[in-house]
């Protein structure tokens, strides 16, 4: 029987500046050891869904459940404490602290998860080496490229061995080789039991996932989901998105509290 860590139950969300619902009746479940890709065109709600699932935004309707109880219904401080100890988040624009070195940025998540600095720094350097940015460890974020900054952000998210990792377009600014390295790191985290949820525009990466959530308008009203071998599954997606399995074998302070997504400014 499939184990479930995280659930979206009839989620809906609208930004206050608009009456239009970005998310409507989203239902999905996420298990340990799985990579889920959230796909769809810009503006369809991919980033917003990740923010809501991570407790950075509160749904207008429905609930996010974590380990069988309501996560979205908790107070902000309670959600922040859970993020700090259990959740890693790779933001679309990296969100590194410009005043701190690359290695200190990578260690940031350790501060909030209770890992001692002397333990965090070797792990940070190991991750930076995996991402090919170990020679930039003493640089400031303003002295590295956008692609390098994004790889540092991935290191920061993975450093405390979180139970759940959300990654918002983690390969969007990367060359193909670097994108493969990042994807391998996320896949490796899932292989070690982490639940990984990725928003991506890459169909190639999405096909390597265990589950795909399609927020495209063309998925509206579809009663069933299909896997790559055309096997049909009962829909768990609801009327506004499509959940599929691409294979038979499903295998800073802003880290703790999360930034406030700019209204109308996030690539939803």
Protein backbone atom coordinates (compact mmCIF):
# COMPACT_ATOMS: atom_id res chain seq x y z
CA UNK A 1 0.00 0.00 0.00
CA UNK A 2 1.31 3.44 -0.97
CA UNK A 3 2.39 5.63 1.93
CA UNK A 4 1.29 9.28 1.90
CA UNK A 5 3.01 12.18 3.69
CA UNK A 6 1.28 15.18 2.17
CA UNK A 7 -2.20 15.73 0.74
CA UNK A 8 -3.98 18.51 -1.09
CA UNK A 9 -7.71 18.35 -0.41
CA UNK A 10 -9.95 20.50 -2.63
CA UNK A 11 -7.46 23.38 -2.58
CA UNK A 12 -8.46 26.76 -3.93
CA UNK A 13 -6.52 30.02 -3.89
CA UNK A 14 -6.93 33.56 -5.19
CA UNK A 15 -4.62 36.54 -4.80
CA UNK A 16 -6.30 39.53 -3.19
CA UNK A 17 -5.60 41.72 -6.21
CA UNK A 18 -7.76 39.49 -8.40
CA UNK A 19 -11.07 37.69 -8.18
CA UNK A 20 -9.78 34.97 -10.51
CA UNK A 21 -8.93 31.69 -8.82
CA UNK A 22 -5.36 30.61 -9.45
CA UNK A 23 -6.09 27.18 -7.97
CA UNK A 24 -9.48 25.51 -7.87
CA UNK A 25 -10.42 22.14 -6.38
CA UNK A 26 -6.89 20.70 -6.46
CA UNK A 27 -6.63 17.20 -4.99
CA UNK A 28 -3.42 15.18 -4.89
CA UNK A 29 -1.30 13.05 -2.59
CA UNK A 30 2.48 12.85 -2.21
CA UNK A 31 4.48 9.96 -0.82
CA UNK A 32 7.98 9.40 0.52
CA UNK A 33 10.52 8.34 -2.08
CA UNK A 34 8.55 9.95 -4.90
CA UNK A 35 9.30 12.83 -7.27
CA UNK A 36 6.20 14.71 -8.40
CA UNK A 37 6.41 17.22 -11.23
CA UNK A 38 3.88 20.05 -11.44
CA UNK A 39 3.59 21.16 -15.07
CA UNK A 40 1.62 23.62 -17.14
CA UNK A 41 2.05 27.00 -18.85
CA UNK A 42 3.19 30.15 -17.05
CA UNK A 43 0.40 31.60 -14.96
CA UNK A 44 -1.45 28.31 -14.41
CA UNK A 45 -0.63 28.10 -10.69
CA UNK A 46 2.47 25.89 -10.44
CA UNK A 47 4.42 28.16 -8.09
CA UNK A 48 1.29 29.02 -6.14
CA UNK A 49 0.55 25.35 -5.55
CA UNK A 50 4.04 24.82 -4.12
CA UNK A 51 3.67 27.85 -1.84
CA UNK A 52 0.31 26.61 -0.57
CA UNK A 53 1.54 23.04 -0.02
CA UNK A 54 4.57 24.37 1.90
CA UNK A 55 2.40 26.56 4.12
CA UNK A 56 3.81 29.82 2.77
CA UNK A 57 0.34 30.77 1.56
CA UNK A 58 -2.99 29.88 3.17
CA UNK A 59 -5.58 28.32 0.86
CA UNK A 60 -8.83 30.19 0.35
CA UNK A 61 -10.65 26.87 0.50
CA UNK A 62 -9.69 23.25 1.13
CA UNK A 63 -6.78 22.06 3.23
CA UNK A 64 -3.22 20.77 3.12
CA UNK A 65 -2.74 17.69 5.31
CA UNK A 66 0.62 16.57 6.64
CA UNK A 67 0.99 13.16 8.30
CA UNK A 68 -2.76 12.78 8.57
CA UNK A 69 -3.62 16.11 10.17
CA UNK A 70 -4.28 19.64 8.95
CA UNK A 71 -1.12 21.59 8.15
CA UNK A 72 -2.72 24.61 6.52
CA UNK A 73 -4.97 25.06 9.54
CA UNK A 74 -2.04 25.64 11.91
CA UNK A 75 -0.91 29.09 13.05
CA UNK A 76 1.91 30.78 11.13
CA UNK A 77 4.45 30.07 13.86
CA UNK A 78 3.55 26.40 13.95
CA UNK A 79 3.88 26.08 10.18
CA UNK A 80 7.21 27.91 10.29
CA UNK A 81 8.55 25.49 12.90
CA UNK A 82 7.55 22.51 10.75
CA UNK A 83 9.16 24.05 7.65
CA UNK A 84 12.37 24.66 9.54
CA UNK A 85 12.62 21.08 10.75
CA UNK A 86 11.07 19.06 7.92
CA UNK A 87 10.83 21.03 4.67
CA UNK A 88 13.34 22.33 2.13
CA UNK A 89 12.31 24.93 -0.46
CA UNK A 90 14.18 25.97 -3.61
CA UNK A 91 12.80 29.34 -4.67
CA UNK A 92 12.51 30.31 -8.29
CA UNK A 93 14.92 33.26 -7.88
CA UNK A 94 17.30 31.47 -5.42
CA UNK A 95 16.80 34.14 -2.67
CA UNK A 96 20.35 34.02 -1.35
CA UNK A 97 21.49 36.49 1.31
CA UNK A 98 23.73 38.96 -0.58
CA UNK A 99 25.73 39.80 2.55
CA UNK A 100 26.87 36.23 3.23
CA UNK A 101 29.23 33.86 1.45
CA UNK A 102 28.05 30.99 -0.72
CA UNK A 103 28.93 28.39 1.91
CA UNK A 104 27.15 30.38 4.63
CA UNK A 105 24.07 30.63 2.42
CA UNK A 106 24.16 26.87 1.92
CA UNK A 107 24.35 26.46 5.71
CA UNK A 108 21.39 28.76 6.37
CA UNK A 109 18.85 25.97 6.66
CA UNK A 110 20.97 24.29 9.33
CA UNK A 111 20.46 27.27 11.66
CA UNK A 112 16.70 26.72 11.71
CA UNK A 113 16.77 22.93 11.79
CA UNK A 114 19.05 22.70 14.83
CA UNK A 115 22.20 21.43 13.10
CA UNK A 116 25.41 22.76 14.61
CA UNK A 117 27.58 24.94 12.39
CA UNK A 118 30.61 22.65 12.65
CA UNK A 119 28.46 19.80 11.33
CA UNK A 120 26.75 21.87 8.66
CA UNK A 121 29.78 23.31 6.90
CA UNK A 122 31.33 19.97 5.79
CA UNK A 123 27.93 18.85 4.51
CA UNK A 124 27.50 22.20 2.72
CA UNK A 125 30.87 21.88 1.01
CA UNK A 126 30.06 18.31 -0.02
CA UNK A 127 26.81 19.47 -1.62
CA UNK A 128 28.49 22.44 -3.29
CA UNK A 129 31.04 20.07 -4.79
CA UNK A 130 28.25 17.83 -6.08
CA UNK A 131 26.70 20.89 -7.75
CA UNK A 132 30.03 22.02 -9.23
CA UNK A 133 30.23 25.30 -7.30
CA UNK A 134 32.72 24.34 -4.57
CA UNK A 135 35.27 26.81 -5.92
CA UNK A 136 32.81 29.64 -5.27
CA UNK A 137 32.26 28.90 -1.58
CA UNK A 138 33.88 32.14 -0.35
CA UNK A 139 32.16 34.36 -2.95
CA UNK A 140 29.09 36.51 -2.35
CA UNK A 141 25.92 35.86 -4.35
CA UNK A 142 26.56 39.00 -6.40
CA UNK A 143 29.83 37.47 -7.60
CA UNK A 144 28.34 34.29 -9.07
CA UNK A 145 26.01 33.63 -11.98
CA UNK A 146 22.27 33.12 -11.69
CA UNK A 147 22.68 29.44 -12.53
CA UNK A 148 25.31 29.01 -9.83
CA UNK A 149 23.09 30.81 -7.33
CA UNK A 150 20.27 28.39 -8.11
CA UNK A 151 22.54 25.42 -7.45
CA UNK A 152 23.53 26.94 -4.11
CA UNK A 153 19.83 27.26 -3.29
CA UNK A 154 19.40 23.54 -3.99
CA UNK A 155 22.27 22.81 -1.60
CA UNK A 156 20.61 24.92 1.08
CA UNK A 157 17.32 23.04 0.70
CA UNK A 158 18.96 19.59 0.83
CA UNK A 159 21.48 20.23 3.61
CA UNK A 160 19.34 19.29 6.66
CA UNK A 161 18.01 16.05 5.06
CA UNK A 162 14.39 17.30 4.95
CA UNK A 163 11.41 14.97 4.70
CA UNK A 164 9.88 17.11 1.94
CA UNK A 165 11.57 19.27 -0.71
CA UNK A 166 9.73 21.77 -2.90
CA UNK A 167 11.66 23.08 -5.90
CA UNK A 168 10.24 25.92 -8.00
CA UNK A 169 11.80 25.74 -11.48
CA UNK A 170 15.16 24.56 -10.08
CA UNK A 171 16.63 23.95 -13.56
CA UNK A 172 15.13 26.97 -15.32
CA UNK A 173 18.39 28.98 -15.40
CA UNK A 174 20.73 26.06 -15.93
CA UNK A 175 22.53 24.59 -18.92
CA UNK A 176 21.61 20.98 -19.74
CA UNK A 177 24.59 19.49 -17.92
CA UNK A 178 23.95 21.47 -14.72
CA UNK A 179 20.24 20.68 -14.96
CA UNK A 180 21.06 16.97 -14.97
CA UNK A 181 23.21 17.40 -11.86
CA UNK A 182 20.42 19.20 -10.01
CA UNK A 183 17.82 16.66 -11.10
CA UNK A 184 20.09 13.82 -10.00
CA UNK A 185 20.43 15.45 -6.56
CA UNK A 186 16.65 15.75 -6.20
CA UNK A 187 16.15 12.20 -7.46
CA UNK A 188 18.81 11.03 -5.01
CA UNK A 189 16.97 12.72 -2.14
CA UNK A 190 13.81 10.88 -3.16
CA UNK A 191 15.69 7.60 -3.34
CA UNK A 192 16.66 8.18 0.29
CA UNK A 193 13.00 8.56 1.23
CA UNK A 194 12.37 12.27 0.73
CA UNK A 195 9.13 13.50 -0.83
CA UNK A 196 10.11 15.82 -3.72
CA UNK A 197 7.70 18.17 -5.49
CA UNK A 198 9.04 20.13 -8.48
CA UNK A 199 7.43 22.84 -10.61
CA UNK A 200 8.94 22.60 -14.07
CA UNK A 201 8.47 23.60 -17.69
CA UNK A 202 10.70 20.73 -18.84
CA UNK A 203 8.77 17.81 -20.34
CA UNK A 204 11.97 15.73 -20.32
CA UNK A 205 12.40 16.08 -16.57
CA UNK A 206 8.69 15.62 -15.93
CA UNK A 207 8.78 12.27 -17.71
CA UNK A 208 11.43 11.11 -15.23
CA UNK A 209 9.09 11.79 -12.31
CA UNK A 210 6.94 9.27 -10.48
CA UNK A 211 3.85 11.45 -10.71
CA UNK A 212 2.83 14.44 -12.85
CA UNK A 213 0.28 17.07 -11.84
CA UNK A 214 -0.82 18.94 -14.95
CA UNK A 215 -2.39 22.35 -14.25
CA UNK A 216 -2.84 23.13 -17.95
CA UNK A 217 -6.27 24.35 -19.04
CA UNK A 218 -6.57 21.37 -21.40
CA UNK A 219 -6.77 19.05 -18.38
CA UNK A 220 -10.09 20.52 -17.24
CA UNK A 221 -12.90 18.04 -16.89
CA UNK A 222 -10.91 14.91 -17.66
CA UNK A 223 -12.38 12.01 -15.66
CA UNK A 224 -9.34 9.73 -15.72
CA UNK A 225 -5.56 9.91 -15.61
CA UNK A 226 -3.27 7.78 -17.72
CA UNK A 227 0.26 6.49 -17.34
CA UNK A 228 2.83 6.24 -20.10
CA UNK A 229 1.76 2.68 -20.84
CA UNK A 230 -1.87 3.87 -21.31
CA UNK A 231 -3.07 2.20 -18.14
CA UNK A 232 -6.05 4.09 -16.68
CA UNK A 233 -6.27 5.21 -13.10
CA UNK A 234 -9.24 6.67 -11.19
CA UNK A 235 -8.81 10.42 -11.10
CA UNK A 236 -7.71 11.94 -7.79
CA UNK A 237 -7.22 15.31 -9.39
CA UNK A 238 -10.67 16.86 -9.34
CA UNK A 239 -12.05 18.87 -12.25
CA UNK A 240 -9.25 21.38 -12.67
CA UNK A 241 -6.09 19.40 -13.14
CA UNK A 242 -4.76 16.02 -14.16
CA UNK A 243 -2.56 13.66 -12.16
CA UNK A 244 -0.64 11.02 -14.09
CA UNK A 245 2.13 8.50 -13.55
CA UNK A 246 4.73 8.52 -16.34
CA UNK A 247 5.92 4.99 -15.51
CA UNK A 248 4.56 1.84 -13.92
CA UNK A 249 7.33 1.75 -11.29
CA UNK A 250 6.58 4.60 -8.91
CA UNK A 251 9.55 4.46 -7.23
CA UNK A 252 17.99 33.02 6.26
CA UNK A 253 14.95 33.79 8.14
CA UNK A 254 13.12 33.47 4.86
CA UNK A 255 13.90 29.76 5.00
CA UNK A 256 12.14 29.36 8.32
CA UNK A 257 9.25 31.73 7.79
CA UNK A 258 9.20 31.85 4.02
CA UNK A 259 9.10 35.03 1.97
CA UNK A 260 5.84 36.74 1.23
CA UNK A 261 5.22 35.97 -2.44
CA UNK A 262 4.79 39.25 -4.30
CA UNK A 263 1.13 39.65 -5.21
CA UNK A 264 0.90 39.30 -8.95
CA UNK A 265 4.70 39.06 -9.11
CA UNK A 266 5.36 35.36 -8.72
CA UNK A 267 5.36 33.23 -11.84
CA UNK A 268 2.30 31.33 -10.79
